[in-house]
Amino acid sequence: MSYGKLLDDLIRSLVDNPDQVEIEEEFDSGTRTFFVSVSPDDVGKVIGKSGRVVSSIRFVVSAVAAKAREKAFVKIVTE
């Protein structure tokens, strides 16, 4: 099961430029890693104050992955 759609919906609802959201997914032996790229203006909104927003996103995605007996990680790509 891919959690990309869930993550995509979460990220797009937070940012001002949803058309610039890009999510790449890697799968390796039961572990999914999502690399999220957003507009430079929206990076702060996705990370949140003290990293609270991205921490919450990671928690939700990890909980969905745990139901499928997998691990999932979300990484925000900054340039």
PDB file of N, CA and C in Angstrom:
ATOM      1  N   MET A   1       0.847  -1.185   0.000  1.00  0.00           N
ATOM      2  CA  MET A   1       0.000   0.000   0.000  1.00  0.00           C
ATOM      3  C   MET A   1       0.889   1.243   0.000  1.00  0.00           C
ATOM      4  N   SER A   2       0.525   2.193  -0.806  1.00  0.00           N
ATOM      5  CA  SER A   2       1.272   3.442  -0.859  1.00  0.00           C
ATOM      6  C   SER A   2       0.530   4.527  -0.082  1.00  0.00           C
ATOM      7  N   TYR A   3       1.247   5.266   0.692  1.00  0.00           N
ATOM      8  CA  TYR A   3       0.653   6.341   1.495  1.00  0.00           C
ATOM      9  C   TYR A   3       0.877   7.685   0.834  1.00  0.00           C
ATOM     10  N   GLY A   4       1.327   7.655  -0.397  1.00  0.00           N
ATOM     11  CA  GLY A   4       1.627   8.881  -1.125  1.00  0.00           C
ATOM     12  C   GLY A   4       0.430   9.806  -1.267  1.00  0.00           C
ATOM     13  N   LYS A   5      -0.743   9.247  -1.517  1.00  0.00           N
ATOM     14  CA  LYS A   5      -1.941  10.071  -1.690  1.00  0.00           C
ATOM     15  C   LYS A   5      -2.293  10.794  -0.391  1.00  0.00           C
ATOM     16  N   LEU A   6      -2.227  10.088   0.728  1.00  0.00           N
ATOM     17  CA  LEU A   6      -2.488  10.702   2.033  1.00  0.00           C
ATOM     18  C   LEU A   6      -1.508  11.832   2.298  1.00  0.00           C
ATOM     19  N   LEU A   7      -0.234  11.557   2.092  1.00  0.00           N
ATOM     20  CA  LEU A   7       0.804  12.562   2.317  1.00  0.00           C
ATOM     21  C   LEU A   7       0.629  13.745   1.371  1.00  0.00           C
ATOM     22  N   ASP A   8       0.316  13.460   0.114  1.00  0.00           N
ATOM     23  CA  ASP A   8       0.104  14.512  -0.874  1.00  0.00           C
ATOM     24  C   ASP A   8      -1.046  15.431  -0.447  1.00  0.00           C
ATOM     25  N   ASP A   9      -2.152  14.861  -0.011  1.00  0.00           N
ATOM     26  CA  ASP A   9      -3.291  15.661   0.440  1.00  0.00           C
ATOM     27  C   ASP A   9      -2.946  16.510   1.662  1.00  0.00           C
ATOM     28  N   LEU A  10      -2.206  15.934   2.602  1.00  0.00           N
ATOM     29  CA  LEU A  10      -1.805  16.680   3.799  1.00  0.00           C
ATOM     30  C   LEU A  10      -0.923  17.872   3.441  1.00  0.00           C
ATOM     31  N   ILE A  11       0.077  17.626   2.621  1.00  0.00           N
ATOM     32  CA  ILE A  11       1.029  18.689   2.266  1.00  0.00           C
ATOM     33  C   ILE A  11       0.341  19.778   1.443  1.00  0.00           C
ATOM     34  N   ARG A  12      -0.445  19.384   0.451  1.00  0.00           N
ATOM     35  CA  ARG A  12      -1.116  20.369  -0.413  1.00  0.00           C
ATOM     36  C   ARG A  12      -2.094  21.251   0.357  1.00  0.00           C
ATOM     37  N   SER A  13      -2.681  20.723   1.431  1.00  0.00           N
ATOM     38  CA  SER A  13      -3.614  21.528   2.212  1.00  0.00           C
ATOM     39  C   SER A  13      -2.899  22.581   3.067  1.00  0.00           C
ATOM     40  N   LEU A  14      -1.599  22.419   3.262  1.00  0.00           N
ATOM     41  CA  LEU A  14      -0.839  23.346   4.099  1.00  0.00           C
ATOM     42  C   LEU A  14      -0.205  24.506   3.339  1.00  0.00           C
ATOM     43  N   VAL A  15       0.153  24.283   2.088  1.00  0.00           N
ATOM     44  CA  VAL A  15       0.986  25.239   1.364  1.00  0.00           C
ATOM     45  C   VAL A  15       0.168  26.229   0.536  1.00  0.00           C
ATOM     46  N   ASP A  16       0.820  27.335   0.176  1.00  0.00           N
ATOM     47  CA  ASP A  16       0.199  28.349  -0.682  1.00  0.00           C
ATOM     48  C   ASP A  16       0.330  28.004  -2.161  1.00  0.00           C
ATOM     49  N   ASN A  17       1.330  27.208  -2.505  1.00  0.00           N
ATOM     50  CA  ASN A  17       1.592  26.822  -3.896  1.00  0.00           C
ATOM     51  C   ASN A  17       1.489  25.305  -4.050  1.00  0.00           C
ATOM     52  N   PRO A  18       0.259  24.759  -4.043  1.00  0.00           N
ATOM     53  CA  PRO A  18       0.119  23.296  -4.110  1.00  0.00           C
ATOM     54  C   PRO A  18       0.594  22.685  -5.420  1.00  0.00           C
ATOM     55  N   ASP A  19       0.672  23.492  -6.478  1.00  0.00           N
ATOM     56  CA  ASP A  19       1.135  22.965  -7.762  1.00  0.00           C
ATOM     57  C   ASP A  19       2.641  22.692  -7.774  1.00  0.00           C
ATOM     58  N   GLN A  20       3.374  23.199  -6.784  1.00  0.00           N
ATOM     59  CA  GLN A  20       4.817  22.989  -6.719  1.00  0.00           C
ATOM     60  C   GLN A  20       5.213  21.862  -5.766  1.00  0.00           C
ATOM     61  N   VAL A  21       4.237  21.132  -5.248  1.00  0.00           N
ATOM     62  CA  VAL A  21       4.527  20.020  -4.348  1.00  0.00           C
ATOM     63  C   VAL A  21       4.945  18.804  -5.163  1.00  0.00           C
ATOM     64  N   GLU A  22       6.077  18.226  -4.801  1.00  0.00           N
ATOM     65  CA  GLU A  22       6.567  17.005  -5.446  1.00  0.00           C
ATOM     66  C   GLU A  22       6.939  16.002  -4.361  1.00  0.00           C
ATOM     67  N   ILE A  23       6.462  14.778  -4.522  1.00  0.00           N
ATOM     68  CA  ILE A  23       6.746  13.736  -3.545  1.00  0.00           C
ATOM     69  C   ILE A  23       7.335  12.533  -4.273  1.00  0.00           C
ATOM     70  N   GLU A  24       8.521  12.148  -3.852  1.00  0.00           N
ATOM     71  CA  GLU A  24       9.171  10.958  -4.403  1.00  0.00           C
ATOM     72  C   GLU A  24       9.154   9.876  -3.330  1.00  0.00           C
ATOM     73  N   GLU A  25       8.889   8.660  -3.748  1.00  0.00           N
ATOM     74  CA  GLU A  25       8.775   7.547  -2.811  1.00  0.00           C
ATOM     75  C   GLU A  25       9.814   6.483  -3.137  1.00  0.00           C
ATOM     76  N   GLU A  26      10.493   6.009  -2.096  1.00  0.00           N
ATOM     77  CA  GLU A  26      11.429   4.891  -2.233  1.00  0.00           C
ATOM     78  C   GLU A  26      10.957   3.771  -1.317  1.00  0.00           C
ATOM     79  N   PHE A  27      11.021   2.550  -1.797  1.00  0.00           N
ATOM     80  CA  PHE A  27      10.618   1.395  -0.995  1.00  0.00           C
ATOM     81  C   PHE A  27      11.768   0.407  -0.945  1.00  0.00           C
ATOM     82  N   ASP A  28      12.124   0.011   0.270  1.00  0.00           N
ATOM     83  CA  ASP A  28      13.216  -0.950   0.434  1.00  0.00           C
ATOM     84  C   ASP A  28      12.934  -1.833   1.637  1.00  0.00           C
ATOM     85  N   SER A  29      12.660  -3.094   1.392  1.00  0.00           N
ATOM     86  CA  SER A  29      12.449  -4.130   2.409  1.00  0.00           C
ATOM     87  C   SER A  29      11.548  -3.687   3.569  1.00  0.00           C
ATOM     88  N   GLY A  30      10.328  -3.316   3.251  1.00  0.00           N
ATOM     89  CA  GLY A  30       9.343  -2.981   4.280  1.00  0.00           C
ATOM     90  C   GLY A  30       9.429  -1.569   4.814  1.00  0.00           C
ATOM     91  N   THR A  31      10.256  -0.742   4.227  1.00  0.00           N
ATOM     92  CA  THR A  31      10.401   0.642   4.671  1.00  0.00           C
ATOM     93  C   THR A  31      10.179   1.575   3.497  1.00  0.00           C
ATOM     94  N   ARG A  32       9.263   2.519   3.684  1.00  0.00           N
ATOM     95  CA  ARG A  32       9.000   3.523   2.663  1.00  0.00           C
ATOM     96  C   ARG A  32       9.566   4.865   3.136  1.00  0.00           C
ATOM     97  N   THR A  33      10.237   5.542   2.234  1.00  0.00           N
ATOM     98  CA  THR A  33      10.772   6.866   2.523  1.00  0.00           C
ATOM     99  C   THR A  33      10.195   7.826   1.497  1.00  0.00           C
ATOM    100  N   PHE A  34       9.585   8.900   1.993  1.00  0.00           N
ATOM    101  CA  PHE A  34       8.998   9.920   1.134  1.00  0.00           C
ATOM    102  C   PHE A  34       9.852  11.173   1.204  1.00  0.00           C
ATOM    103  N   PHE A  35      10.259  11.661   0.044  1.00  0.00           N
ATOM    104  CA  PHE A  35      11.026  12.895  -0.055  1.00  0.00           C
ATOM    105  C   PHE A  35      10.084  13.970  -0.586  1.00  0.00           C
ATOM    106  N   VAL A  36       9.804  14.968   0.239  1.00  0.00           N
ATOM    107  CA  VAL A  36       8.823  16.007  -0.092  1.00  0.00           C
ATOM    108  C   VAL A  36       9.553  17.287  -0.471  1.00  0.00           C
ATOM    109  N   SER A  37       9.244  17.807  -1.661  1.00  0.00           N
ATOM    110  CA  SER A  37       9.784  19.086  -2.118  1.00  0.00           C
ATOM    111  C   SER A  37       8.626  20.064  -2.276  1.00  0.00           C
ATOM    112  N   VAL A  38       8.802  21.259  -1.729  1.00  0.00           N
ATOM    113  CA  VAL A  38       7.794  22.313  -1.866  1.00  0.00           C
ATOM    114  C   VAL A  38       8.492  23.602  -2.271  1.00  0.00           C
ATOM    115  N   SER A  39       7.701  24.605  -2.567  1.00  0.00           N
ATOM    116  CA  SER A  39       8.241  25.921  -2.902  1.00  0.00           C
ATOM    117  C   SER A  39       9.075  26.438  -1.731  1.00  0.00           C
ATOM    118  N   PRO A  40      10.154  27.167  -2.012  1.00  0.00           N
ATOM    119  CA  PRO A  40      10.961  27.722  -0.914  1.00  0.00           C
ATOM    120  C   PRO A  40      10.152  28.592   0.052  1.00  0.00           C
ATOM    121  N   ASP A  41       9.096  29.225  -0.443  1.00  0.00           N
ATOM    122  CA  ASP A  41       8.255  30.055   0.423  1.00  0.00           C
ATOM    123  C   ASP A  41       7.402  29.215   1.367  1.00  0.00           C
ATOM    124  N   ASP A  42       7.179  27.945   1.044  1.00  0.00           N
ATOM    125  CA  ASP A  42       6.293  27.094   1.828  1.00  0.00           C
ATOM    126  C   ASP A  42       7.019  26.137   2.778  1.00  0.00           C
ATOM    127  N   VAL A  43       8.328  26.120   2.736  1.00  0.00           N
ATOM    128  CA  VAL A  43       9.078  25.182   3.573  1.00  0.00           C
ATOM    129  C   VAL A  43       8.768  25.420   5.053  1.00  0.00           C
ATOM    130  N   GLY A  44       8.714  26.666   5.457  1.00  0.00           N
ATOM    131  CA  GLY A  44       8.422  26.994   6.858  1.00  0.00           C
ATOM    132  C   GLY A  44       7.045  26.530   7.297  1.00  0.00           C
ATOM    133  N   LYS A  45       6.081  26.585   6.398  1.00  0.00           N
ATOM    134  CA  LYS A  45       4.729  26.144   6.734  1.00  0.00           C
ATOM    135  C   LYS A  45       4.681  24.635   6.919  1.00  0.00           C
ATOM    136  N   VAL A  46       5.437  23.914   6.124  1.00  0.00           N
ATOM    137  CA  VAL A  46       5.439  22.454   6.218  1.00  0.00           C
ATOM    138  C   VAL A  46       6.198  22.000   7.464  1.00  0.00           C
ATOM    139  N   ILE A  47       7.288  22.672   7.787  1.00  0.00           N
ATOM    140  CA  ILE A  47       8.068  22.292   8.970  1.00  0.00           C
ATOM    141  C   ILE A  47       7.366  22.761  10.239  1.00  0.00           C
ATOM    142  N   GLY A  48       6.862  23.977  10.244  1.00  0.00           N
ATOM    143  CA  GLY A  48       6.148  24.492  11.403  1.00  0.00           C
ATOM    144  C   GLY A  48       7.083  24.991  12.490  1.00  0.00           C
ATOM    145  N   LYS A  49       6.493  25.619  13.472  1.00  0.00           N
ATOM    146  CA  LYS A  49       7.258  26.165  14.584  1.00  0.00           C
ATOM    147  C   LYS A  49       7.843  25.021  15.402  1.00  0.00           C
ATOM    148  N   SER A  50       9.140  25.025  15.564  1.00  0.00           N
ATOM    149  CA  SER A  50       9.886  23.978  16.271  1.00  0.00           C
ATOM    150  C   SER A  50       9.673  22.590  15.670  1.00  0.00           C
ATOM    151  N   GLY A  51       9.281  22.536  14.391  1.00  0.00           N
ATOM    152  CA  GLY A  51       9.109  21.256  13.717  1.00  0.00           C
ATOM    153  C   GLY A  51       7.837  20.513  14.081  1.00  0.00           C
ATOM    154  N   ARG A  52       6.870  21.206  14.656  1.00  0.00           N
ATOM    155  CA  ARG A  52       5.646  20.542  15.115  1.00  0.00           C
ATOM    156  C   ARG A  52       4.783  20.025  13.975  1.00  0.00           C
ATOM    157  N   VAL A  53       4.683  20.766  12.892  1.00  0.00           N
ATOM    158  CA  VAL A  53       3.826  20.349  11.782  1.00  0.00           C
ATOM    159  C   VAL A  53       4.399  19.110  11.109  1.00  0.00           C
ATOM    160  N   VAL A  54       5.668  19.131  10.767  1.00  0.00           N
ATOM    161  CA  VAL A  54       6.273  17.970  10.109  1.00  0.00           C
ATOM    162  C   VAL A  54       6.287  16.765  11.053  1.00  0.00           C
ATOM    163  N   SER A  55       6.433  16.991  12.328  1.00  0.00           N
ATOM    164  CA  SER A  55       6.375  15.902  13.296  1.00  0.00           C
ATOM    165  C   SER A  55       4.990  15.254  13.304  1.00  0.00           C
ATOM    166  N   SER A  56       3.952  16.059  13.223  1.00  0.00           N
ATOM    167  CA  SER A  56       2.589  15.536  13.181  1.00  0.00           C
ATOM    168  C   SER A  56       2.336  14.758  11.898  1.00  0.00           C
ATOM    169  N   ILE A  57       2.832  15.275  10.787  1.00  0.00           N
ATOM    170  CA  ILE A  57       2.685  14.578   9.501  1.00  0.00           C
ATOM    171  C   ILE A  57       3.395  13.227   9.571  1.00  0.00           C
ATOM    172  N   ARG A  58       4.589  13.217  10.114  1.00  0.00           N
ATOM    173  CA  ARG A  58       5.333  11.962  10.246  1.00  0.00           C
ATOM    174  C   ARG A  58       4.587  10.957  11.125  1.00  0.00           C
ATOM    175  N   PHE A  59       3.980  11.452  12.196  1.00  0.00           N
ATOM    176  CA  PHE A  59       3.235  10.581  13.099  1.00  0.00           C
ATOM    177  C   PHE A  59       2.060   9.917  12.390  1.00  0.00           C
ATOM    178  N   VAL A  60       1.299  10.703  11.629  1.00  0.00           N
ATOM    179  CA  VAL A  60       0.136  10.164  10.914  1.00  0.00           C
ATOM    180  C   VAL A  60       0.570   9.131   9.874  1.00  0.00           C
ATOM    181  N   VAL A  61       1.570   9.453   9.089  1.00  0.00           N
ATOM    182  CA  VAL A  61       2.038   8.533   8.051  1.00  0.00           C
ATOM    183  C   VAL A  61       2.607   7.261   8.684  1.00  0.00           C
ATOM    184  N   SER A  62       3.324   7.388   9.783  1.00  0.00           N
ATOM    185  CA  SER A  62       3.868   6.215  10.472  1.00  0.00           C
ATOM    186  C   SER A  62       2.767   5.334  11.041  1.00  0.00           C
ATOM    187  N   ALA A  63       1.702   5.956  11.540  1.00  0.00           N
ATOM    188  CA  ALA A  63       0.581   5.185  12.086  1.00  0.00           C
ATOM    189  C   ALA A  63      -0.115   4.380  10.993  1.00  0.00           C
ATOM    190  N   VAL A  64      -0.297   4.977   9.831  1.00  0.00           N
ATOM    191  CA  VAL A  64      -0.912   4.257   8.710  1.00  0.00           C
ATOM    192  C   VAL A  64       0.001   3.122   8.262  1.00  0.00           C
ATOM    193  N   ALA A  65       1.286   3.369   8.238  1.00  0.00           N
ATOM    194  CA  ALA A  65       2.243   2.337   7.835  1.00  0.00           C
ATOM    195  C   ALA A  65       2.269   1.188   8.836  1.00  0.00           C
ATOM    196  N   ALA A  66       2.141   1.495  10.103  1.00  0.00           N
ATOM    197  CA  ALA A  66       2.176   0.464  11.132  1.00  0.00           C
ATOM    198  C   ALA A  66       1.012  -0.513  10.976  1.00  0.00           C
ATOM    199  N   LYS A  67      -0.128  -0.023  10.535  1.00  0.00           N
ATOM    200  CA  LYS A  67      -1.266  -0.917  10.298  1.00  0.00           C
ATOM    201  C   LYS A  67      -0.947  -1.936   9.214  1.00  0.00           C
ATOM    202  N   ALA A  68      -0.128  -1.554   8.269  1.00  0.00           N
ATOM    203  CA  ALA A  68       0.269  -2.458   7.187  1.00  0.00           C
ATOM    204  C   ALA A  68       1.575  -3.195   7.519  1.00  0.00           C
ATOM    205  N   ARG A  69       2.014  -3.079   8.766  1.00  0.00           N
ATOM    206  CA  ARG A  69       3.261  -3.707   9.231  1.00  0.00           C
ATOM    207  C   ARG A  69       4.471  -3.253   8.415  1.00  0.00           C
ATOM    208  N   GLU A  70       4.507  -1.971   8.165  1.00  0.00           N
ATOM    209  CA  GLU A  70       5.646  -1.354   7.469  1.00  0.00           C
ATOM    210  C   GLU A  70       6.134  -0.173   8.281  1.00  0.00           C
ATOM    211  N   LYS A  71       7.231   0.377   7.847  1.00  0.00           N
ATOM    212  CA  LYS A  71       7.751   1.618   8.417  1.00  0.00           C
ATOM    213  C   LYS A  71       7.722   2.665   7.329  1.00  0.00           C
ATOM    214  N   ALA A  72       7.476   3.903   7.726  1.00  0.00           N
ATOM    215  CA  ALA A  72       7.449   4.996   6.754  1.00  0.00           C
ATOM    216  C   ALA A  72       8.150   6.213   7.361  1.00  0.00           C
ATOM    217  N   PHE A  73       8.919   6.872   6.529  1.00  0.00           N
ATOM    218  CA  PHE A  73       9.632   8.074   6.937  1.00  0.00           C
ATOM    219  C   PHE A  73       9.319   9.199   5.956  1.00  0.00           C
ATOM    220  N   VAL A  74       9.233  10.412   6.475  1.00  0.00           N
ATOM    221  CA  VAL A  74       8.966  11.587   5.650  1.00  0.00           C
ATOM    222  C   VAL A  74      10.150  12.536   5.829  1.00  0.00           C
ATOM    223  N   LYS A  75      10.748  12.908   4.713  1.00  0.00           N
ATOM    224  CA  LYS A  75      11.876  13.845   4.747  1.00  0.00           C
ATOM    225  C   LYS A  75      11.531  15.049   3.875  1.00  0.00           C
ATOM    226  N   ILE A  76      11.762  16.225   4.411  1.00  0.00           N
ATOM    227  CA  ILE A  76      11.518  17.461   3.682  1.00  0.00           C
ATOM    228  C   ILE A  76      12.821  17.847   2.988  1.00  0.00           C
ATOM    229  N   VAL A  77      12.764  17.983   1.679  1.00  0.00           N
ATOM    230  CA  VAL A  77      13.951  18.319   0.888  1.00  0.00           C
ATOM    231  C   VAL A  77      14.056  19.839   0.805  1.00  0.00           C
ATOM    232  N   THR A  78      15.167  20.364   1.285  1.00  0.00           N
ATOM    233  CA  THR A  78      15.436  21.799   1.187  1.00  0.00           C
ATOM    234  C   THR A  78      16.677  21.983   0.330  1.00  0.00           C
ATOM    235  N   GLU A  79      16.710  23.046  -0.429  1.00  0.00           N
ATOM    236  CA  GLU A  79      17.845  23.251  -1.339  1.00  0.00           C
ATOM    237  C   GLU A  79      18.740  24.335  -0.873  1.00  0.00           C
TER     238      GLU A  79
END
